[in-house]
N, C-alpha and C. Protein backbone atom coordinates (compact mmCIF):
# COMPACT_ATOMS: atom_id res chain seq x y z
N UNK A 1 17.01 21.70 38.72
CA UNK A 1 16.94 20.71 37.65
C UNK A 1 18.33 20.27 37.19
N UNK A 2 19.35 21.05 37.54
CA UNK A 2 20.69 20.73 37.10
C UNK A 2 21.10 21.46 35.83
N UNK A 3 20.09 21.91 35.07
CA UNK A 3 20.32 22.71 33.86
C UNK A 3 19.37 23.90 33.88
N UNK A 4 19.87 25.04 33.41
CA UNK A 4 19.02 26.21 33.36
C UNK A 4 18.41 26.43 31.99
N UNK A 5 17.52 27.42 31.90
CA UNK A 5 16.97 27.77 30.60
C UNK A 5 18.05 28.36 29.70
N UNK A 6 19.12 28.81 30.31
CA UNK A 6 20.26 29.32 29.55
C UNK A 6 21.52 28.64 30.05
N UNK A 7 22.26 28.03 29.16
CA UNK A 7 23.52 27.37 29.48
C UNK A 7 24.59 27.76 28.47
N UNK A 8 25.84 27.91 28.91
CA UNK A 8 26.28 27.96 30.30
C UNK A 8 25.92 29.30 30.95
N UNK A 9 25.70 29.30 32.23
CA UNK A 9 25.16 30.48 32.90
C UNK A 9 26.14 31.64 32.91
N UNK A 10 27.44 31.39 32.76
CA UNK A 10 28.41 32.47 32.82
C UNK A 10 28.79 32.99 31.43
N UNK A 11 27.97 32.65 30.41
CA UNK A 11 28.25 33.11 29.04
C UNK A 11 26.95 33.56 28.39
N UNK A 12 26.22 34.41 29.13
CA UNK A 12 24.90 34.87 28.66
C UNK A 12 25.09 35.90 27.56
N UNK A 13 24.53 35.60 26.38
CA UNK A 13 24.66 36.49 25.24
C UNK A 13 23.33 36.61 24.51
N UNK A 14 23.12 37.78 23.91
CA UNK A 14 21.87 38.01 23.19
C UNK A 14 21.76 37.15 21.94
N UNK A 15 22.92 36.78 21.37
CA UNK A 15 22.89 35.99 20.14
C UNK A 15 22.76 34.49 20.41
N UNK A 16 22.62 34.10 21.69
CA UNK A 16 22.42 32.70 22.03
C UNK A 16 21.19 32.59 22.93
N UNK A 17 20.02 32.35 22.35
CA UNK A 17 18.79 32.34 23.14
C UNK A 17 18.74 31.16 24.10
N UNK A 18 17.87 31.29 25.09
CA UNK A 18 17.67 30.21 26.04
C UNK A 18 16.94 29.04 25.39
N UNK A 19 16.86 27.93 26.11
CA UNK A 19 16.20 26.75 25.56
C UNK A 19 14.71 26.98 25.34
N UNK A 20 14.11 27.86 26.18
CA UNK A 20 12.68 28.16 26.06
C UNK A 20 12.52 29.68 26.22
N UNK A 21 12.77 30.45 25.14
CA UNK A 21 12.74 31.92 25.24
C UNK A 21 11.41 32.47 25.75
N UNK A 22 10.29 31.85 25.36
CA UNK A 22 8.98 32.34 25.80
C UNK A 22 8.83 32.20 27.31
N UNK A 23 9.28 31.08 27.85
CA UNK A 23 9.20 30.88 29.30
C UNK A 23 10.12 31.86 30.03
N UNK A 24 11.30 32.08 29.48
CA UNK A 24 12.24 33.02 30.09
C UNK A 24 11.64 34.43 30.11
N UNK A 25 11.00 34.82 29.03
CA UNK A 25 10.35 36.14 28.98
C UNK A 25 9.20 36.22 29.98
N UNK A 26 8.42 35.13 30.08
CA UNK A 26 7.29 35.13 31.02
C UNK A 26 7.78 35.25 32.47
N UNK A 27 8.86 34.52 32.80
CA UNK A 27 9.41 34.60 34.15
C UNK A 27 9.93 36.01 34.45
N UNK A 28 10.55 36.64 33.45
CA UNK A 28 11.03 38.01 33.63
C UNK A 28 9.86 38.97 33.86
N UNK A 29 8.79 38.79 33.09
CA UNK A 29 7.60 39.65 33.26
C UNK A 29 6.96 39.42 34.62
N UNK A 30 6.83 38.15 35.03
CA UNK A 30 6.24 37.85 36.34
C UNK A 30 7.10 38.42 37.47
N UNK A 31 8.41 38.34 37.32
CA UNK A 31 9.34 38.89 38.29
C UNK A 31 9.13 40.41 38.44
N UNK A 32 8.94 41.09 37.31
CA UNK A 32 8.71 42.54 37.33
C UNK A 32 7.35 42.86 37.94
N UNK A 33 6.33 42.07 37.57
CA UNK A 33 4.97 42.32 38.06
C UNK A 33 4.86 42.16 39.58
N UNK A 34 5.73 41.38 40.17
CA UNK A 34 5.71 41.16 41.62
C UNK A 34 6.79 41.96 42.33
N UNK A 35 7.08 43.13 41.79
CA UNK A 35 7.97 44.05 42.48
C UNK A 35 9.41 43.60 42.54
N UNK A 36 9.86 42.82 41.56
CA UNK A 36 11.24 42.33 41.52
C UNK A 36 11.58 41.55 42.80
N UNK A 37 10.59 40.79 43.24
CA UNK A 37 10.74 39.99 44.47
C UNK A 37 11.37 38.64 44.10
N UNK A 38 12.65 38.48 44.41
CA UNK A 38 13.36 37.25 44.05
C UNK A 38 12.78 36.04 44.78
N UNK A 39 12.35 36.24 46.03
CA UNK A 39 11.78 35.12 46.79
C UNK A 39 10.50 34.62 46.14
N UNK A 40 9.73 35.52 45.57
CA UNK A 40 8.51 35.10 44.86
C UNK A 40 8.86 34.19 43.69
N UNK A 41 9.87 34.59 42.90
CA UNK A 41 10.25 33.80 41.73
C UNK A 41 10.82 32.45 42.14
N UNK A 42 11.63 32.43 43.17
CA UNK A 42 12.19 31.16 43.65
C UNK A 42 11.06 30.25 44.13
N UNK A 43 10.10 30.82 44.89
CA UNK A 43 8.98 30.02 45.38
C UNK A 43 8.15 29.49 44.22
N UNK A 44 7.95 30.30 43.21
CA UNK A 44 7.18 29.90 42.03
C UNK A 44 7.83 28.69 41.35
N UNK A 45 9.15 28.73 41.22
CA UNK A 45 9.86 27.63 40.57
C UNK A 45 9.84 26.38 41.44
N UNK A 46 10.13 26.53 42.73
CA UNK A 46 10.24 25.36 43.62
C UNK A 46 8.91 24.64 43.81
N UNK A 47 7.81 25.35 43.69
CA UNK A 47 6.50 24.71 43.88
C UNK A 47 5.88 24.25 42.56
N UNK A 48 6.62 24.39 41.47
CA UNK A 48 6.09 23.98 40.17
C UNK A 48 6.15 22.46 40.03
N UNK A 49 5.27 21.92 39.20
CA UNK A 49 5.26 20.48 38.94
C UNK A 49 6.58 20.05 38.28
N UNK A 50 7.10 20.89 37.38
CA UNK A 50 8.33 20.55 36.67
C UNK A 50 9.49 20.36 37.64
N UNK A 51 9.63 21.30 38.57
CA UNK A 51 10.74 21.21 39.51
C UNK A 51 10.63 19.98 40.41
N UNK A 52 9.43 19.55 40.72
CA UNK A 52 9.21 18.46 41.66
C UNK A 52 9.14 17.09 40.99
N UNK A 53 9.44 17.01 39.70
CA UNK A 53 9.45 15.71 39.04
C UNK A 53 10.52 14.80 39.64
N UNK A 54 10.25 13.50 39.68
CA UNK A 54 11.21 12.54 40.21
C UNK A 54 12.30 12.28 39.19
N UNK A 55 13.45 11.81 39.68
CA UNK A 55 14.59 11.55 38.80
C UNK A 55 14.35 10.30 37.96
N UNK A 56 14.61 10.42 36.68
CA UNK A 56 14.51 9.29 35.75
C UNK A 56 15.71 9.38 34.80
N UNK A 57 16.67 8.45 34.90
CA UNK A 57 17.87 8.54 34.06
C UNK A 57 17.56 8.51 32.57
N UNK A 58 16.45 7.90 32.18
CA UNK A 58 16.11 7.82 30.76
C UNK A 58 15.61 9.16 30.22
N UNK A 59 15.18 10.06 31.11
CA UNK A 59 14.60 11.33 30.69
C UNK A 59 15.49 12.52 31.03
N UNK A 60 16.64 12.26 31.64
CA UNK A 60 17.52 13.33 32.08
C UNK A 60 18.12 14.08 30.89
N UNK A 61 18.10 15.43 30.95
CA UNK A 61 18.70 16.25 29.90
C UNK A 61 20.19 16.41 30.14
N UNK A 62 20.94 16.54 29.04
CA UNK A 62 22.37 16.81 29.11
C UNK A 62 22.70 17.96 28.17
N UNK A 63 23.60 18.84 28.63
CA UNK A 63 23.98 19.98 27.81
C UNK A 63 25.38 19.79 27.25
N UNK A 64 25.49 19.91 25.93
CA UNK A 64 26.77 19.83 25.24
C UNK A 64 27.10 21.22 24.73
N UNK A 65 28.18 21.83 25.27
CA UNK A 65 28.50 23.20 24.89
C UNK A 65 28.78 23.34 23.40
N UNK A 66 29.15 22.23 22.77
CA UNK A 66 29.38 22.26 21.33
C UNK A 66 28.11 22.16 20.52
N UNK A 67 27.00 21.80 21.18
CA UNK A 67 25.71 21.69 20.49
C UNK A 67 24.64 22.41 21.31
N UNK A 68 24.74 23.73 21.40
CA UNK A 68 23.83 24.48 22.28
C UNK A 68 22.37 24.46 21.84
N UNK A 69 22.11 24.12 20.58
CA UNK A 69 20.74 24.15 20.07
C UNK A 69 19.98 22.84 20.26
N UNK A 70 20.63 21.82 20.83
CA UNK A 70 19.94 20.54 21.07
C UNK A 70 18.80 20.77 22.07
N UNK A 71 17.58 20.32 21.75
CA UNK A 71 16.43 20.59 22.63
C UNK A 71 16.62 20.00 24.03
N UNK A 72 16.09 20.72 25.01
CA UNK A 72 16.03 20.22 26.38
C UNK A 72 14.58 20.24 26.82
N UNK A 73 14.15 19.18 27.49
CA UNK A 73 12.73 19.01 27.79
C UNK A 73 12.39 19.11 29.28
N UNK A 74 13.38 19.07 30.16
CA UNK A 74 13.15 19.21 31.60
C UNK A 74 12.09 18.23 32.11
N UNK A 75 12.22 16.98 31.70
CA UNK A 75 11.28 15.93 32.15
C UNK A 75 11.78 15.22 33.40
N UNK A 76 13.03 15.47 33.76
CA UNK A 76 13.62 14.85 34.94
C UNK A 76 14.75 15.74 35.44
N UNK A 77 14.90 15.87 36.75
CA UNK A 77 16.07 16.60 37.25
C UNK A 77 17.35 15.84 36.93
N UNK A 78 18.45 16.56 36.86
CA UNK A 78 19.75 15.93 36.65
C UNK A 78 20.27 15.42 37.99
N UNK A 79 20.87 14.25 37.97
CA UNK A 79 21.40 13.67 39.20
C UNK A 79 22.74 14.32 39.51
N UNK A 80 22.83 14.97 40.66
CA UNK A 80 24.05 15.67 41.06
C UNK A 80 24.41 15.30 42.49
N UNK A 81 25.70 15.24 42.75
CA UNK A 81 26.12 14.98 44.12
C UNK A 81 26.05 16.26 44.93
N UNK A 82 25.96 16.12 46.25
CA UNK A 82 25.89 17.28 47.13
C UNK A 82 27.19 18.06 47.08
N UNK A 83 27.09 19.37 47.22
CA UNK A 83 28.29 20.19 47.36
C UNK A 83 28.86 19.99 48.76
N UNK A 84 30.08 20.48 48.97
CA UNK A 84 30.70 20.38 50.30
C UNK A 84 29.82 21.05 51.35
N UNK A 85 29.28 22.22 51.03
CA UNK A 85 28.44 22.94 51.98
C UNK A 85 27.18 22.15 52.31
N UNK A 86 26.54 21.59 51.30
CA UNK A 86 25.31 20.84 51.53
C UNK A 86 25.56 19.58 52.35
N UNK A 87 26.63 18.87 52.04
CA UNK A 87 26.93 17.62 52.74
C UNK A 87 27.24 17.87 54.21
N UNK A 88 28.12 18.82 54.50
CA UNK A 88 28.55 19.04 55.88
C UNK A 88 27.46 19.73 56.71
N UNK A 89 26.66 20.60 56.08
CA UNK A 89 25.53 21.19 56.80
C UNK A 89 24.48 20.12 57.10
N UNK A 90 24.26 19.20 56.17
CA UNK A 90 23.30 18.12 56.40
C UNK A 90 23.77 17.21 57.53
N UNK A 91 25.07 17.00 57.60
CA UNK A 91 25.62 16.18 58.68
C UNK A 91 25.37 16.82 60.03
N UNK A 92 25.49 18.14 60.08
CA UNK A 92 25.22 18.85 61.33
C UNK A 92 23.75 18.74 61.73
N UNK A 93 22.86 18.82 60.74
CA UNK A 93 21.43 18.67 61.02
C UNK A 93 21.12 17.27 61.54
N UNK A 94 21.72 16.24 60.93
CA UNK A 94 21.48 14.87 61.37
C UNK A 94 21.98 14.65 62.79
N UNK A 95 23.09 15.28 63.14
CA UNK A 95 23.68 15.06 64.46
C UNK A 95 23.01 15.88 65.55
N UNK A 96 22.62 17.12 65.23
CA UNK A 96 22.11 18.04 66.25
C UNK A 96 20.63 18.36 66.11
N UNK A 97 20.03 17.95 64.98
CA UNK A 97 18.63 18.26 64.68
C UNK A 97 18.40 19.77 64.56
N UNK A 98 19.45 20.51 64.27
CA UNK A 98 19.34 21.95 64.03
C UNK A 98 20.57 22.40 63.27
N UNK A 99 20.49 23.59 62.70
CA UNK A 99 21.60 24.13 61.94
C UNK A 99 21.88 25.54 62.42
N UNK A 100 23.02 25.72 63.04
CA UNK A 100 23.41 27.03 63.55
C UNK A 100 23.85 27.90 62.37
N UNK A 101 23.13 28.99 62.09
CA UNK A 101 23.48 29.83 60.93
C UNK A 101 24.93 30.31 60.97
N UNK A 102 25.45 30.57 62.16
CA UNK A 102 26.81 31.10 62.26
C UNK A 102 27.86 30.05 61.92
N UNK A 103 27.49 28.76 61.96
CA UNK A 103 28.45 27.69 61.72
C UNK A 103 28.32 27.07 60.33
N UNK A 104 27.49 27.65 59.49
CA UNK A 104 27.32 27.09 58.15
C UNK A 104 28.61 27.24 57.36
N UNK A 105 28.90 26.23 56.56
CA UNK A 105 30.20 26.16 55.90
C UNK A 105 30.44 27.31 54.93
N UNK A 106 29.39 27.79 54.27
CA UNK A 106 29.61 28.82 53.27
C UNK A 106 30.09 30.14 53.89
N UNK A 107 29.91 30.28 55.22
CA UNK A 107 30.36 31.49 55.90
C UNK A 107 31.79 31.38 56.42
N UNK A 108 32.37 30.20 56.32
CA UNK A 108 33.70 29.98 56.88
C UNK A 108 34.76 30.19 55.80
N UNK A 109 35.83 30.87 56.20
CA UNK A 109 36.91 31.16 55.27
C UNK A 109 37.95 30.05 55.22
N UNK A 110 37.93 29.15 56.19
CA UNK A 110 38.94 28.11 56.27
C UNK A 110 38.78 27.08 55.15
N UNK A 111 39.92 26.52 54.75
CA UNK A 111 39.93 25.47 53.73
C UNK A 111 40.59 24.24 54.33
N UNK A 112 39.96 23.08 54.14
CA UNK A 112 40.49 21.84 54.71
C UNK A 112 40.60 20.79 53.62
N UNK A 113 41.30 19.71 53.94
CA UNK A 113 41.43 18.61 52.98
C UNK A 113 40.05 18.08 52.59
N UNK A 114 39.14 18.01 53.56
CA UNK A 114 37.80 17.47 53.30
C UNK A 114 37.02 18.38 52.37
N UNK A 115 36.99 19.68 52.65
CA UNK A 115 36.20 20.58 51.81
C UNK A 115 36.77 20.67 50.40
N UNK A 116 38.09 20.65 50.28
CA UNK A 116 38.69 20.69 48.94
C UNK A 116 38.40 19.41 48.18
N UNK A 117 38.44 18.27 48.87
CA UNK A 117 38.14 17.00 48.22
C UNK A 117 36.71 16.96 47.71
N UNK A 118 35.80 17.66 48.42
CA UNK A 118 34.40 17.69 48.03
C UNK A 118 34.09 18.77 47.01
N UNK A 119 35.13 19.49 46.56
CA UNK A 119 34.96 20.43 45.46
C UNK A 119 34.89 21.88 45.83
N UNK A 120 35.02 22.22 47.12
CA UNK A 120 34.97 23.63 47.50
C UNK A 120 36.30 24.30 47.16
N UNK A 121 36.27 25.51 46.56
CA UNK A 121 37.52 26.19 46.23
C UNK A 121 38.39 26.39 47.47
N UNK A 122 39.70 26.40 47.25
CA UNK A 122 40.64 26.53 48.38
C UNK A 122 40.56 27.90 49.04
N UNK A 123 40.18 28.94 48.30
CA UNK A 123 40.10 30.29 48.84
C UNK A 123 38.74 30.90 48.50
N UNK A 124 38.21 31.71 49.40
CA UNK A 124 36.90 32.31 49.18
C UNK A 124 36.92 33.31 48.02
N UNK A 125 38.07 33.92 47.76
CA UNK A 125 38.14 34.90 46.67
C UNK A 125 38.42 34.26 45.32
N UNK A 126 38.45 32.94 45.29
CA UNK A 126 38.65 32.24 44.02
C UNK A 126 37.35 32.22 43.23
N UNK A 127 37.39 32.74 42.01
CA UNK A 127 36.18 32.81 41.19
C UNK A 127 35.85 31.41 40.67
N UNK A 128 34.64 30.95 40.99
CA UNK A 128 34.23 29.62 40.55
C UNK A 128 32.73 29.64 40.28
N UNK A 129 32.35 29.49 39.03
CA UNK A 129 30.93 29.49 38.68
C UNK A 129 30.35 28.09 38.60
N UNK A 130 31.16 27.10 38.85
CA UNK A 130 30.67 25.73 38.81
C UNK A 130 31.54 24.83 39.66
N UNK A 131 30.97 23.73 40.09
CA UNK A 131 31.69 22.76 40.90
C UNK A 131 31.90 21.49 40.08
N UNK A 132 33.03 20.81 40.27
CA UNK A 132 33.26 19.56 39.54
C UNK A 132 32.25 18.49 39.96
N UNK A 133 31.78 17.75 38.99
CA UNK A 133 30.80 16.69 39.26
C UNK A 133 31.44 15.31 39.25
N UNK A 134 32.75 15.23 38.96
CA UNK A 134 33.40 13.94 38.86
C UNK A 134 33.62 13.35 40.26
N UNK A 135 33.75 12.05 40.30
CA UNK A 135 33.99 11.32 41.54
C UNK A 135 35.43 10.85 41.54
N UNK A 136 36.16 11.13 42.64
CA UNK A 136 37.57 10.79 42.70
C UNK A 136 37.87 9.97 43.95
N UNK A 137 38.98 9.26 43.92
CA UNK A 137 39.37 8.41 45.05
C UNK A 137 39.59 9.24 46.30
N UNK A 138 40.10 10.47 46.15
CA UNK A 138 40.40 11.29 47.33
C UNK A 138 39.14 11.57 48.14
N UNK A 139 37.99 11.65 47.47
CA UNK A 139 36.74 11.86 48.20
C UNK A 139 36.40 10.67 49.08
N UNK A 140 36.55 9.47 48.53
CA UNK A 140 36.29 8.27 49.31
C UNK A 140 37.25 8.15 50.49
N UNK A 141 38.51 8.49 50.25
CA UNK A 141 39.51 8.41 51.33
C UNK A 141 39.18 9.37 52.46
N UNK A 142 38.76 10.59 52.12
CA UNK A 142 38.43 11.56 53.15
C UNK A 142 37.19 11.14 53.94
N UNK A 143 36.20 10.57 53.26
CA UNK A 143 34.98 10.16 53.95
C UNK A 143 35.19 8.90 54.78
N UNK A 144 36.10 8.02 54.35
CA UNK A 144 36.34 6.78 55.08
C UNK A 144 37.40 6.93 56.17
N UNK A 145 38.46 7.69 55.88
CA UNK A 145 39.59 7.74 56.81
C UNK A 145 39.97 9.14 57.27
N UNK A 146 39.31 10.16 56.74
CA UNK A 146 39.70 11.53 57.08
C UNK A 146 39.39 11.89 58.53
N UNK A 147 40.29 12.63 59.14
CA UNK A 147 40.13 12.99 60.55
C UNK A 147 38.97 13.96 60.75
N UNK A 148 38.81 14.93 59.84
CA UNK A 148 37.74 15.92 60.02
C UNK A 148 36.36 15.27 59.95
N UNK A 149 36.15 14.40 58.96
CA UNK A 149 34.85 13.75 58.85
C UNK A 149 34.60 12.85 60.06
N UNK A 150 35.65 12.15 60.51
CA UNK A 150 35.54 11.29 61.70
C UNK A 150 35.11 12.12 62.90
N UNK A 151 35.74 13.28 63.11
CA UNK A 151 35.43 14.12 64.26
C UNK A 151 34.01 14.67 64.18
N UNK A 152 33.58 15.04 62.99
CA UNK A 152 32.23 15.58 62.84
C UNK A 152 31.17 14.54 63.19
N UNK A 153 31.45 13.27 62.90
CA UNK A 153 30.49 12.20 63.19
C UNK A 153 30.58 11.75 64.64
N UNK A 154 31.78 11.45 65.11
CA UNK A 154 31.92 10.81 66.41
C UNK A 154 31.92 11.79 67.58
N UNK A 155 32.04 13.08 67.31
CA UNK A 155 31.92 14.07 68.36
C UNK A 155 30.52 14.66 68.43
N UNK A 156 29.61 14.12 67.64
CA UNK A 156 28.24 14.64 67.60
C UNK A 156 27.55 14.41 68.93
N UNK A 157 26.64 15.32 69.26
CA UNK A 157 25.93 15.25 70.53
C UNK A 157 25.12 13.97 70.67
N UNK A 158 24.60 13.46 69.55
CA UNK A 158 23.75 12.27 69.62
C UNK A 158 24.52 11.07 70.17
N UNK A 159 25.84 11.03 69.92
CA UNK A 159 26.64 9.92 70.42
C UNK A 159 26.86 10.01 71.92
N UNK A 160 26.66 11.22 72.49
CA UNK A 160 26.87 11.42 73.92
C UNK A 160 25.60 11.16 74.71
N UNK A 161 24.49 11.02 74.02
CA UNK A 161 23.22 10.74 74.69
C UNK A 161 23.10 9.25 74.99
N UNK A 162 22.25 8.93 75.94
CA UNK A 162 21.93 7.53 76.19
C UNK A 162 20.93 7.09 75.13
N UNK A 163 21.35 6.27 74.18
CA UNK A 163 20.49 5.99 73.04
C UNK A 163 19.37 5.01 73.37
N UNK A 164 18.27 5.19 72.72
CA UNK A 164 17.19 4.20 72.74
C UNK A 164 16.81 3.95 71.29
N UNK A 165 16.23 2.81 71.04
CA UNK A 165 15.85 2.49 69.67
C UNK A 165 14.86 3.51 69.14
N UNK A 166 13.89 3.91 69.96
CA UNK A 166 12.88 4.86 69.50
C UNK A 166 13.52 6.21 69.14
N UNK A 167 14.45 6.66 69.99
CA UNK A 167 15.10 7.94 69.72
C UNK A 167 15.92 7.88 68.45
N UNK A 168 16.65 6.78 68.25
CA UNK A 168 17.46 6.64 67.04
C UNK A 168 16.57 6.62 65.80
N UNK A 169 15.45 5.92 65.93
CA UNK A 169 14.54 5.83 64.79
C UNK A 169 13.99 7.20 64.43
N UNK A 170 13.61 7.98 65.45
CA UNK A 170 13.10 9.32 65.20
C UNK A 170 14.16 10.17 64.52
N UNK A 171 15.42 10.07 64.99
CA UNK A 171 16.49 10.90 64.47
C UNK A 171 16.75 10.63 62.99
N UNK A 172 16.71 9.36 62.59
CA UNK A 172 17.17 9.02 61.25
C UNK A 172 16.05 8.73 60.26
N UNK A 173 14.81 8.64 60.72
CA UNK A 173 13.73 8.42 59.75
C UNK A 173 12.59 9.42 59.90
N UNK A 174 12.55 10.15 61.05
CA UNK A 174 11.57 11.22 61.28
C UNK A 174 10.13 10.72 61.34
N UNK A 175 9.92 9.45 61.61
CA UNK A 175 8.57 8.91 61.80
C UNK A 175 8.58 7.98 63.02
N UNK A 176 7.41 7.73 63.55
CA UNK A 176 7.31 6.87 64.73
C UNK A 176 7.54 5.41 64.35
N UNK A 177 8.30 4.73 65.19
CA UNK A 177 8.60 3.33 64.91
C UNK A 177 7.44 2.42 65.34
N UNK A 178 7.21 1.37 64.56
CA UNK A 178 6.18 0.40 64.90
C UNK A 178 6.57 -0.32 66.20
N UNK A 179 5.62 -0.57 67.12
CA UNK A 179 5.95 -1.21 68.39
C UNK A 179 6.72 -2.52 68.24
N UNK A 180 6.41 -3.32 67.22
CA UNK A 180 7.13 -4.59 67.04
C UNK A 180 8.60 -4.35 66.71
N UNK A 181 8.87 -3.33 65.90
CA UNK A 181 10.24 -3.00 65.56
C UNK A 181 10.99 -2.48 66.79
N UNK A 182 10.30 -1.65 67.57
CA UNK A 182 10.92 -1.09 68.77
C UNK A 182 11.28 -2.19 69.75
N UNK A 183 10.37 -3.14 69.95
CA UNK A 183 10.63 -4.25 70.87
C UNK A 183 11.79 -5.10 70.38
N UNK A 184 11.82 -5.38 69.06
CA UNK A 184 12.90 -6.19 68.50
C UNK A 184 14.25 -5.50 68.68
N UNK A 185 14.29 -4.18 68.45
CA UNK A 185 15.54 -3.44 68.61
C UNK A 185 16.00 -3.39 70.05
N UNK A 186 15.07 -3.19 70.99
CA UNK A 186 15.43 -3.14 72.41
C UNK A 186 15.96 -4.48 72.89
N UNK A 187 15.34 -5.57 72.45
CA UNK A 187 15.80 -6.90 72.84
C UNK A 187 17.19 -7.16 72.28
N UNK A 188 17.43 -6.69 71.07
CA UNK A 188 18.75 -6.90 70.46
C UNK A 188 19.83 -6.17 71.27
N UNK A 189 19.60 -4.91 71.60
CA UNK A 189 20.59 -4.14 72.36
C UNK A 189 20.81 -4.74 73.75
N UNK A 190 19.75 -5.29 74.31
CA UNK A 190 19.84 -5.88 75.65
C UNK A 190 20.71 -7.14 75.64
N UNK A 191 20.55 -7.94 74.61
CA UNK A 191 21.24 -9.22 74.55
C UNK A 191 22.55 -9.19 73.75
N UNK A 192 22.81 -8.09 73.05
CA UNK A 192 24.00 -7.99 72.22
C UNK A 192 24.68 -6.64 72.46
N UNK A 193 25.53 -6.55 73.48
CA UNK A 193 26.22 -5.28 73.74
C UNK A 193 27.09 -4.88 72.56
N UNK A 194 27.24 -3.58 72.38
CA UNK A 194 28.02 -3.06 71.26
C UNK A 194 29.50 -3.42 71.40
N UNK A 195 30.16 -3.79 70.30
CA UNK A 195 31.60 -4.05 70.35
C UNK A 195 32.36 -2.79 70.77
N UNK A 196 33.51 -2.96 71.33
CA UNK A 196 34.30 -1.84 71.81
C UNK A 196 34.60 -0.86 70.67
N UNK A 197 34.32 0.42 70.94
CA UNK A 197 34.61 1.45 69.95
C UNK A 197 33.47 1.75 69.00
N UNK A 198 32.44 0.92 69.02
CA UNK A 198 31.34 1.14 68.09
C UNK A 198 30.36 2.18 68.62
N UNK A 199 30.00 2.08 69.89
CA UNK A 199 28.94 2.93 70.41
C UNK A 199 27.59 2.31 70.13
N UNK A 200 26.66 2.47 71.08
CA UNK A 200 25.35 1.84 70.93
C UNK A 200 24.61 2.30 69.69
N UNK A 201 24.77 3.58 69.34
CA UNK A 201 24.03 4.09 68.20
C UNK A 201 24.45 3.40 66.90
N UNK A 202 25.77 3.37 66.66
CA UNK A 202 26.25 2.76 65.42
C UNK A 202 25.95 1.27 65.39
N UNK A 203 26.06 0.63 66.53
CA UNK A 203 25.77 -0.80 66.61
C UNK A 203 24.29 -1.05 66.31
N UNK A 204 23.43 -0.22 66.87
CA UNK A 204 22.01 -0.40 66.64
C UNK A 204 21.65 -0.19 65.18
N UNK A 205 22.27 0.83 64.56
CA UNK A 205 21.96 1.11 63.16
C UNK A 205 22.43 0.01 62.24
N UNK A 206 23.57 -0.61 62.58
CA UNK A 206 24.15 -1.59 61.66
C UNK A 206 23.63 -3.00 61.88
N UNK A 207 23.21 -3.32 63.10
CA UNK A 207 22.92 -4.72 63.39
C UNK A 207 21.55 -4.99 63.99
N UNK A 208 20.89 -3.98 64.52
CA UNK A 208 19.62 -4.21 65.19
C UNK A 208 18.55 -4.68 64.23
N UNK A 209 17.75 -5.70 64.59
CA UNK A 209 16.66 -6.15 63.72
C UNK A 209 15.67 -5.05 63.40
N UNK A 210 15.43 -4.16 64.36
CA UNK A 210 14.51 -3.07 64.11
C UNK A 210 14.97 -2.19 62.99
N UNK A 211 16.27 -1.83 62.99
CA UNK A 211 16.79 -0.96 61.95
C UNK A 211 16.96 -1.71 60.64
N UNK A 212 17.29 -2.98 60.70
CA UNK A 212 17.39 -3.76 59.47
C UNK A 212 16.03 -3.82 58.78
N UNK A 213 14.97 -3.96 59.58
CA UNK A 213 13.63 -4.02 59.05
C UNK A 213 13.27 -2.71 58.35
N UNK A 214 13.67 -1.61 58.97
CA UNK A 214 13.39 -0.30 58.40
C UNK A 214 14.11 -0.13 57.06
N UNK A 215 15.37 -0.54 57.02
CA UNK A 215 16.16 -0.40 55.80
C UNK A 215 15.54 -1.19 54.66
N UNK A 216 15.05 -2.40 54.96
CA UNK A 216 14.46 -3.24 53.92
C UNK A 216 13.20 -2.61 53.33
N UNK A 217 12.52 -1.80 54.13
CA UNK A 217 11.29 -1.18 53.62
C UNK A 217 11.55 0.19 53.02
N UNK A 218 12.87 0.55 52.87
CA UNK A 218 13.26 1.78 52.22
C UNK A 218 12.75 3.02 52.93
N UNK A 219 12.58 2.95 54.24
CA UNK A 219 12.16 4.13 55.00
C UNK A 219 13.35 4.80 55.66
N UNK A 220 14.48 4.14 55.71
CA UNK A 220 15.66 4.73 56.35
C UNK A 220 16.85 4.53 55.44
N UNK A 221 17.59 5.61 55.18
CA UNK A 221 18.74 5.53 54.27
C UNK A 221 19.98 5.96 55.03
């Protein structure tokens, strides 16, 4: 949700109750009743109606550390940007359709310009209970011109495959493409070769009528 029943999470005190003490007590009791099974509690929260509510900026809660008693209603999740680990792991999934546990970013000790720009601490032993939510120019520069991000995208296995419109559609939308869209995309690639340096995949995504049609219907982002 972006906010917990107790905020800030690293300043838990008995003299500062949570936003919903009864719910916090019930969750603690349920956690105990199920053998202190953390996975049970996580599953309980993730499958709840509250957790699955759609984002609505008009209903989003905000926490002011100077006003801890202001009510919070949890009617909408808070809009947050992806962490460095989430973004780069998602990129690997998009490129390879799988995620190698050994290559996940949170297991790596190395620090790069890209990971630091995305908010990851420079050292693993650096104590950090929160990540910055602000947006800075350095993030845009790394995503647009950074060598690491470029290599992660353009060295992906999908770029080395012989692309087809149907395969690209499956990769980026996870649903079967309508035959009319597939035909339109194939005709476009046949009659409009990709500019030098673009690659068929990027050209198809940016210019193909099939993919343009998908984007307009909000099925592909």
